[in-house]
């Protein structure tokens, strides 16, 4: 589950930096900007490069989740 949240957090961060970092005068302009940003982002096909596997993460974080 955490992997999905990390991806969502990365996308929201990119949206904030790349699209929402300025004053947008009205909802119509906001929607136009969001559609354009989403198209560009999807066309770019960003990928996540995980640093370690789930098994490695479970081993490293075992002290945080002793019941797993």
PDB file of N, CA and C in Angstrom:
ATOM      1  N   UNK A   1       0.814  -1.180   0.000  1.00  0.00           N
ATOM      2  CA  UNK A   1       0.000   0.000   0.000  1.00  0.00           C
ATOM      3  C   UNK A   1       0.867   1.257   0.000  1.00  0.00           C
ATOM      4  N   UNK A   2       1.960   1.264   0.744  1.00  0.00           N
ATOM      5  CA  UNK A   2       2.809   2.451   0.830  1.00  0.00           C
ATOM      6  C   UNK A   2       3.363   2.833  -0.542  1.00  0.00           C
ATOM      7  N   UNK A   3       3.652   1.849  -1.396  1.00  0.00           N
ATOM      8  CA  UNK A   3       4.164   2.149  -2.730  1.00  0.00           C
ATOM      9  C   UNK A   3       3.202   3.004  -3.529  1.00  0.00           C
ATOM     10  N   UNK A   4       1.917   2.698  -3.421  1.00  0.00           N
ATOM     11  CA  UNK A   4       0.905   3.464  -4.136  1.00  0.00           C
ATOM     12  C   UNK A   4       0.864   4.895  -3.621  1.00  0.00           C
ATOM     13  N   UNK A   5       0.947   5.056  -2.298  1.00  0.00           N
ATOM     14  CA  UNK A   5       0.941   6.394  -1.711  1.00  0.00           C
ATOM     15  C   UNK A   5       2.165   7.186  -2.149  1.00  0.00           C
ATOM     16  N   UNK A   6       3.308   6.544  -2.264  1.00  0.00           N
ATOM     17  CA  UNK A   6       4.516   7.235  -2.701  1.00  0.00           C
ATOM     18  C   UNK A   6       4.353   7.763  -4.115  1.00  0.00           C
ATOM     19  N   UNK A   7       3.764   6.969  -4.989  1.00  0.00           N
ATOM     20  CA  UNK A   7       3.538   7.395  -6.370  1.00  0.00           C
ATOM     21  C   UNK A   7       2.578   8.587  -6.392  1.00  0.00           C
ATOM     22  N   UNK A   8       1.499   8.490  -5.630  1.00  0.00           N
ATOM     23  CA  UNK A   8       0.530   9.592  -5.579  1.00  0.00           C
ATOM     24  C   UNK A   8       1.184  10.860  -5.041  1.00  0.00           C
ATOM     25  N   UNK A   9       2.002  10.720  -4.009  1.00  0.00           N
ATOM     26  CA  UNK A   9       2.690  11.880  -3.426  1.00  0.00           C
ATOM     27  C   UNK A   9       3.637  12.514  -4.445  1.00  0.00           C
ATOM     28  N   UNK A  10       4.344  11.708  -5.201  1.00  0.00           N
ATOM     29  CA  UNK A  10       5.243  12.230  -6.239  1.00  0.00           C
ATOM     30  C   UNK A  10       4.461  12.995  -7.306  1.00  0.00           C
ATOM     31  N   UNK A  11       3.340  12.437  -7.721  1.00  0.00           N
ATOM     32  CA  UNK A  11       2.529  13.096  -8.750  1.00  0.00           C
ATOM     33  C   UNK A  11       1.944  14.412  -8.249  1.00  0.00           C
ATOM     34  N   UNK A  12       1.455  14.427  -7.011  1.00  0.00           N
ATOM     35  CA  UNK A  12       0.913  15.670  -6.457  1.00  0.00           C
ATOM     36  C   UNK A  12       1.998  16.721  -6.287  1.00  0.00           C
ATOM     37  N   UNK A  13       3.187  16.303  -5.924  1.00  0.00           N
ATOM     38  CA  UNK A  13       4.306  17.230  -5.806  1.00  0.00           C
ATOM     39  C   UNK A  13       4.663  17.823  -7.170  1.00  0.00           C
ATOM     40  N   UNK A  14       4.715  16.974  -8.190  1.00  0.00           N
ATOM     41  CA  UNK A  14       5.006  17.460  -9.545  1.00  0.00           C
ATOM     42  C   UNK A  14       3.914  18.411 -10.025  1.00  0.00           C
ATOM     43  N   UNK A  15       2.665  18.067  -9.768  1.00  0.00           N
ATOM     44  CA  UNK A  15       1.552  18.934 -10.151  1.00  0.00           C
ATOM     45  C   UNK A  15       1.691  20.297  -9.483  1.00  0.00           C
ATOM     46  N   UNK A  16       1.996  20.302  -8.214  1.00  0.00           N
ATOM     47  CA  UNK A  16       2.147  21.551  -7.476  1.00  0.00           C
ATOM     48  C   UNK A  16       3.273  22.404  -8.045  1.00  0.00           C
ATOM     49  N   UNK A  17       4.426  21.798  -8.328  1.00  0.00           N
ATOM     50  CA  UNK A  17       5.581  22.537  -8.852  1.00  0.00           C
ATOM     51  C   UNK A  17       5.393  22.980 -10.297  1.00  0.00           C
ATOM     52  N   UNK A  18       4.808  22.127 -11.119  1.00  0.00           N
ATOM     53  CA  UNK A  18       4.775  22.370 -12.554  1.00  0.00           C
ATOM     54  C   UNK A  18       3.521  23.084 -13.038  1.00  0.00           C
ATOM     55  N   UNK A  19       2.458  23.040 -12.272  1.00  0.00           N
ATOM     56  CA  UNK A  19       1.192  23.570 -12.768  1.00  0.00           C
ATOM     57  C   UNK A  19       0.542  24.565 -11.815  1.00  0.00           C
ATOM     58  N   UNK A  20       0.669  24.340 -10.540  1.00  0.00           N
ATOM     59  CA  UNK A  20      -0.084  25.140  -9.574  1.00  0.00           C
ATOM     60  C   UNK A  20       0.785  26.154  -8.840  1.00  0.00           C
ATOM     61  N   UNK A  21       1.947  26.469  -9.403  1.00  0.00           N
ATOM     62  CA  UNK A  21       2.878  27.375  -8.739  1.00  0.00           C
ATOM     63  C   UNK A  21       2.638  28.845  -9.085  1.00  0.00           C
ATOM     64  N   UNK A  22       1.435  29.156  -9.537  1.00  0.00           N
ATOM     65  CA  UNK A  22       1.099  30.533  -9.928  1.00  0.00           C
ATOM     66  C   UNK A  22      -0.384  30.784  -9.667  1.00  0.00           C
ATOM     67  N   UNK A  23      -0.754  32.025  -9.723  1.00  0.00           N
ATOM     68  CA  UNK A  23      -2.166  32.374  -9.544  1.00  0.00           C
ATOM     69  C   UNK A  23      -2.922  32.017 -10.814  1.00  0.00           C
ATOM     70  N   UNK A  24      -4.021  31.307 -10.662  1.00  0.00           N
ATOM     71  CA  UNK A  24      -4.870  30.927 -11.790  1.00  0.00           C
ATOM     72  C   UNK A  24      -6.196  31.656 -11.579  1.00  0.00           C
ATOM     73  N   UNK A  25      -6.594  32.480 -12.559  1.00  0.00           N
ATOM     74  CA  UNK A  25      -7.682  33.438 -12.334  1.00  0.00           C
ATOM     75  C   UNK A  25      -9.087  32.847 -12.160  1.00  0.00           C
ATOM     76  N   UNK A  26      -9.350  31.679 -12.745  1.00  0.00           N
ATOM     77  CA  UNK A  26     -10.709  31.137 -12.650  1.00  0.00           C
ATOM     78  C   UNK A  26     -10.697  29.630 -12.847  1.00  0.00           C
ATOM     79  N   UNK A  27     -11.821  29.015 -12.563  1.00  0.00           N
ATOM     80  CA  UNK A  27     -11.923  27.553 -12.609  1.00  0.00           C
ATOM     81  C   UNK A  27     -11.757  27.008 -14.026  1.00  0.00           C
ATOM     82  N   UNK A  28     -12.203  27.746 -15.012  1.00  0.00           N
ATOM     83  CA  UNK A  28     -12.068  27.283 -16.400  1.00  0.00           C
ATOM     84  C   UNK A  28     -10.592  27.204 -16.795  1.00  0.00           C
ATOM     85  N   UNK A  29      -9.841  28.242 -16.448  1.00  0.00           N
ATOM     86  CA  UNK A  29      -8.401  28.238 -16.744  1.00  0.00           C
ATOM     87  C   UNK A  29      -7.707  27.132 -15.970  1.00  0.00           C
ATOM     88  N   UNK A  30      -8.089  26.953 -14.719  1.00  0.00           N
ATOM     89  CA  UNK A  30      -7.521  25.867 -13.911  1.00  0.00           C
ATOM     90  C   UNK A  30      -7.760  24.521 -14.584  1.00  0.00           C
ATOM     91  N   UNK A  31      -8.980  24.260 -15.010  1.00  0.00           N
ATOM     92  CA  UNK A  31      -9.292  22.990 -15.677  1.00  0.00           C
ATOM     93  C   UNK A  31      -8.490  22.813 -16.955  1.00  0.00           C
ATOM     94  N   UNK A  32      -8.342  23.877 -17.748  1.00  0.00           N
ATOM     95  CA  UNK A  32      -7.540  23.814 -18.975  1.00  0.00           C
ATOM     96  C   UNK A  32      -6.086  23.481 -18.656  1.00  0.00           C
ATOM     97  N   UNK A  33      -5.536  24.144 -17.627  1.00  0.00           N
ATOM     98  CA  UNK A  33      -4.154  23.899 -17.231  1.00  0.00           C
ATOM     99  C   UNK A  33      -3.962  22.476 -16.717  1.00  0.00           C
ATOM    100  N   UNK A  34      -4.914  21.990 -15.942  1.00  0.00           N
ATOM    101  CA  UNK A  34      -4.819  20.626 -15.421  1.00  0.00           C
ATOM    102  C   UNK A  34      -4.877  19.585 -16.528  1.00  0.00           C
ATOM    103  N   UNK A  35      -5.761  19.785 -17.485  1.00  0.00           N
ATOM    104  CA  UNK A  35      -5.866  18.847 -18.617  1.00  0.00           C
ATOM    105  C   UNK A  35      -4.568  18.834 -19.414  1.00  0.00           C
ATOM    106  N   UNK A  36      -4.006  20.022 -19.667  1.00  0.00           N
ATOM    107  CA  UNK A  36      -2.752  20.109 -20.422  1.00  0.00           C
ATOM    108  C   UNK A  36      -1.607  19.456 -19.651  1.00  0.00           C
ATOM    109  N   UNK A  37      -1.531  19.726 -18.340  1.00  0.00           N
ATOM    110  CA  UNK A  37      -0.475  19.133 -17.517  1.00  0.00           C
ATOM    111  C   UNK A  37      -0.607  17.616 -17.492  1.00  0.00           C
ATOM    112  N   UNK A  38      -1.828  17.117 -17.312  1.00  0.00           N
ATOM    113  CA  UNK A  38      -2.062  15.672 -17.269  1.00  0.00           C
ATOM    114  C   UNK A  38      -1.658  15.007 -18.582  1.00  0.00           C
ATOM    115  N   UNK A  39      -2.001  15.625 -19.711  1.00  0.00           N
ATOM    116  CA  UNK A  39      -1.628  15.061 -21.014  1.00  0.00           C
ATOM    117  C   UNK A  39      -0.111  15.006 -21.162  1.00  0.00           C
ATOM    118  N   UNK A  40       0.562  16.102 -20.836  1.00  0.00           N
ATOM    119  CA  UNK A  40       2.027  16.126 -20.921  1.00  0.00           C
ATOM    120  C   UNK A  40       2.650  15.078 -20.010  1.00  0.00           C
ATOM    121  N   UNK A  41       2.131  14.974 -18.794  1.00  0.00           N
ATOM    122  CA  UNK A  41       2.670  14.016 -17.818  1.00  0.00           C
ATOM    123  C   UNK A  41       2.475  12.581 -18.301  1.00  0.00           C
ATOM    124  N   UNK A  42       1.299  12.275 -18.834  1.00  0.00           N
ATOM    125  CA  UNK A  42       1.041  10.925 -19.332  1.00  0.00           C
ATOM    126  C   UNK A  42       1.854  10.619 -20.580  1.00  0.00           C
ATOM    127  N   UNK A  43       2.021  11.607 -21.458  1.00  0.00           N
ATOM    128  CA  UNK A  43       2.821  11.403 -22.669  1.00  0.00           C
ATOM    129  C   UNK A  43       4.289  11.147 -22.334  1.00  0.00           C
ATOM    130  N   UNK A  44       4.752  11.728 -21.229  1.00  0.00           N
ATOM    131  CA  UNK A  44       6.155  11.595 -20.826  1.00  0.00           C
ATOM    132  C   UNK A  44       6.462  10.229 -20.209  1.00  0.00           C
ATOM    133  N   UNK A  45       5.453   9.498 -19.781  1.00  0.00           N
ATOM    134  CA  UNK A  45       5.564   8.147 -19.201  1.00  0.00           C
ATOM    135  C   UNK A  45       6.671   8.086 -18.139  1.00  0.00           C
ATOM    136  N   UNK A  46       6.441   8.790 -17.058  1.00  0.00           N
ATOM    137  CA  UNK A  46       7.381   8.751 -15.928  1.00  0.00           C
ATOM    138  C   UNK A  46       7.318   7.390 -15.256  1.00  0.00           C
ATOM    139  N   UNK A  47       8.462   6.950 -14.754  1.00  0.00           N
ATOM    140  CA  UNK A  47       8.523   5.678 -14.042  1.00  0.00           C
ATOM    141  C   UNK A  47       9.156   5.887 -12.681  1.00  0.00           C
ATOM    142  N   UNK A  48       8.829   5.009 -11.764  1.00  0.00           N
ATOM    143  CA  UNK A  48       9.413   5.036 -10.424  1.00  0.00           C
ATOM    144  C   UNK A  48      10.532   3.999 -10.380  1.00  0.00           C
ATOM    145  N   UNK A  49      11.673   4.401  -9.895  1.00  0.00           N
ATOM    146  CA  UNK A  49      12.791   3.479  -9.721  1.00  0.00           C
ATOM    147  C   UNK A  49      12.901   3.164  -8.232  1.00  0.00           C
ATOM    148  N   UNK A  50      12.400   1.994  -7.825  1.00  0.00           N
ATOM    149  CA  UNK A  50      12.421   1.626  -6.420  1.00  0.00           C
ATOM    150  C   UNK A  50      13.845   1.282  -6.017  1.00  0.00           C
ATOM    151  N   UNK A  51      14.240   1.706  -4.821  1.00  0.00           N
ATOM    152  CA  UNK A  51      15.607   1.497  -4.354  1.00  0.00           C
ATOM    153  C   UNK A  51      15.844   0.106  -3.798  1.00  0.00           C
ATOM    154  N   UNK A  52      14.799  -0.520  -3.293  1.00  0.00           N
ATOM    155  CA  UNK A  52      14.947  -1.880  -2.815  1.00  0.00           C
ATOM    156  C   UNK A  52      13.620  -2.605  -2.918  1.00  0.00           C
ATOM    157  N   UNK A  53      13.694  -3.917  -2.831  1.00  0.00           N
ATOM    158  CA  UNK A  53      12.501  -4.739  -2.999  1.00  0.00           C
ATOM    159  C   UNK A  53      11.642  -4.710  -1.731  1.00  0.00           C
ATOM    160  N   UNK A  54      10.428  -5.196  -1.856  1.00  0.00           N
ATOM    161  CA  UNK A  54       9.535  -5.285  -0.702  1.00  0.00           C
ATOM    162  C   UNK A  54      10.147  -6.182   0.376  1.00  0.00           C
ATOM    163  N   UNK A  55      10.787  -7.263  -0.030  1.00  0.00           N
ATOM    164  CA  UNK A  55      11.420  -8.175   0.938  1.00  0.00           C
ATOM    165  C   UNK A  55      12.532  -7.456   1.702  1.00  0.00           C
ATOM    166  N   UNK A  56      13.357  -6.689   0.996  1.00  0.00           N
ATOM    167  CA  UNK A  56      14.415  -5.922   1.653  1.00  0.00           C
ATOM    168  C   UNK A  56      13.817  -4.876   2.602  1.00  0.00           C
ATOM    169  N   UNK A  57      12.750  -4.242   2.176  1.00  0.00           N
ATOM    170  CA  UNK A  57      12.101  -3.226   3.012  1.00  0.00           C
ATOM    171  C   UNK A  57      11.547  -3.849   4.284  1.00  0.00           C
ATOM    172  N   UNK A  58      10.917  -5.017   4.160  1.00  0.00           N
ATOM    173  CA  UNK A  58      10.376  -5.682   5.340  1.00  0.00           C
ATOM    174  C   UNK A  58      11.484  -6.028   6.328  1.00  0.00           C
ATOM    175  N   UNK A  59      12.622  -6.469   5.812  1.00  0.00           N
ATOM    176  CA  UNK A  59      13.753  -6.777   6.685  1.00  0.00           C
ATOM    177  C   UNK A  59      14.295  -5.537   7.360  1.00  0.00           C
ATOM    178  N   UNK A  60      14.448  -4.485   6.597  1.00  0.00           N
ATOM    179  CA  UNK A  60      15.015  -3.247   7.133  1.00  0.00           C
ATOM    180  C   UNK A  60      14.063  -2.560   8.120  1.00  0.00           C
ATOM    181  N   UNK A  61      12.769  -2.680   7.893  1.00  0.00           N
ATOM    182  CA  UNK A  61      11.791  -1.995   8.714  1.00  0.00           C
ATOM    183  C   UNK A  61      11.084  -2.918   9.717  1.00  0.00           C
ATOM    184  N   UNK A  62      11.615  -4.104   9.922  1.00  0.00           N
ATOM    185  CA  UNK A  62      10.981  -5.088  10.808  1.00  0.00           C
ATOM    186  C   UNK A  62      10.747  -4.539  12.207  1.00  0.00           C
ATOM    187  N   UNK A  63      11.646  -3.717  12.692  1.00  0.00           N
ATOM    188  CA  UNK A  63      11.477  -3.149  14.036  1.00  0.00           C
ATOM    189  C   UNK A  63      10.273  -2.219  14.124  1.00  0.00           C
ATOM    190  N   UNK A  64       9.826  -1.685  13.012  1.00  0.00           N
ATOM    191  CA  UNK A  64       8.642  -0.810  13.002  1.00  0.00           C
ATOM    192  C   UNK A  64       7.348  -1.601  12.915  1.00  0.00           C
ATOM    193  N   UNK A  65       7.430  -2.823  12.368  1.00  0.00           N
ATOM    194  CA  UNK A  65       6.257  -3.666  12.172  1.00  0.00           C
ATOM    195  C   UNK A  65       6.532  -5.056  12.709  1.00  0.00           C
ATOM    196  N   UNK A  66       6.639  -5.214  14.025  1.00  0.00           N
ATOM    197  CA  UNK A  66       7.045  -6.506  14.604  1.00  0.00           C
ATOM    198  C   UNK A  66       6.037  -7.631  14.396  1.00  0.00           C
ATOM    199  N   UNK A  67       4.794  -7.325  14.111  1.00  0.00           N
ATOM    200  CA  UNK A  67       3.769  -8.371  13.963  1.00  0.00           C
ATOM    201  C   UNK A  67       3.621  -8.878  12.546  1.00  0.00           C
ATOM    202  N   UNK A  68       4.383  -8.386  11.599  1.00  0.00           N
ATOM    203  CA  UNK A  68       4.246  -8.843  10.204  1.00  0.00           C
ATOM    204  C   UNK A  68       5.097 -10.051   9.927  1.00  0.00           C
TER     205      UNK A  68
END
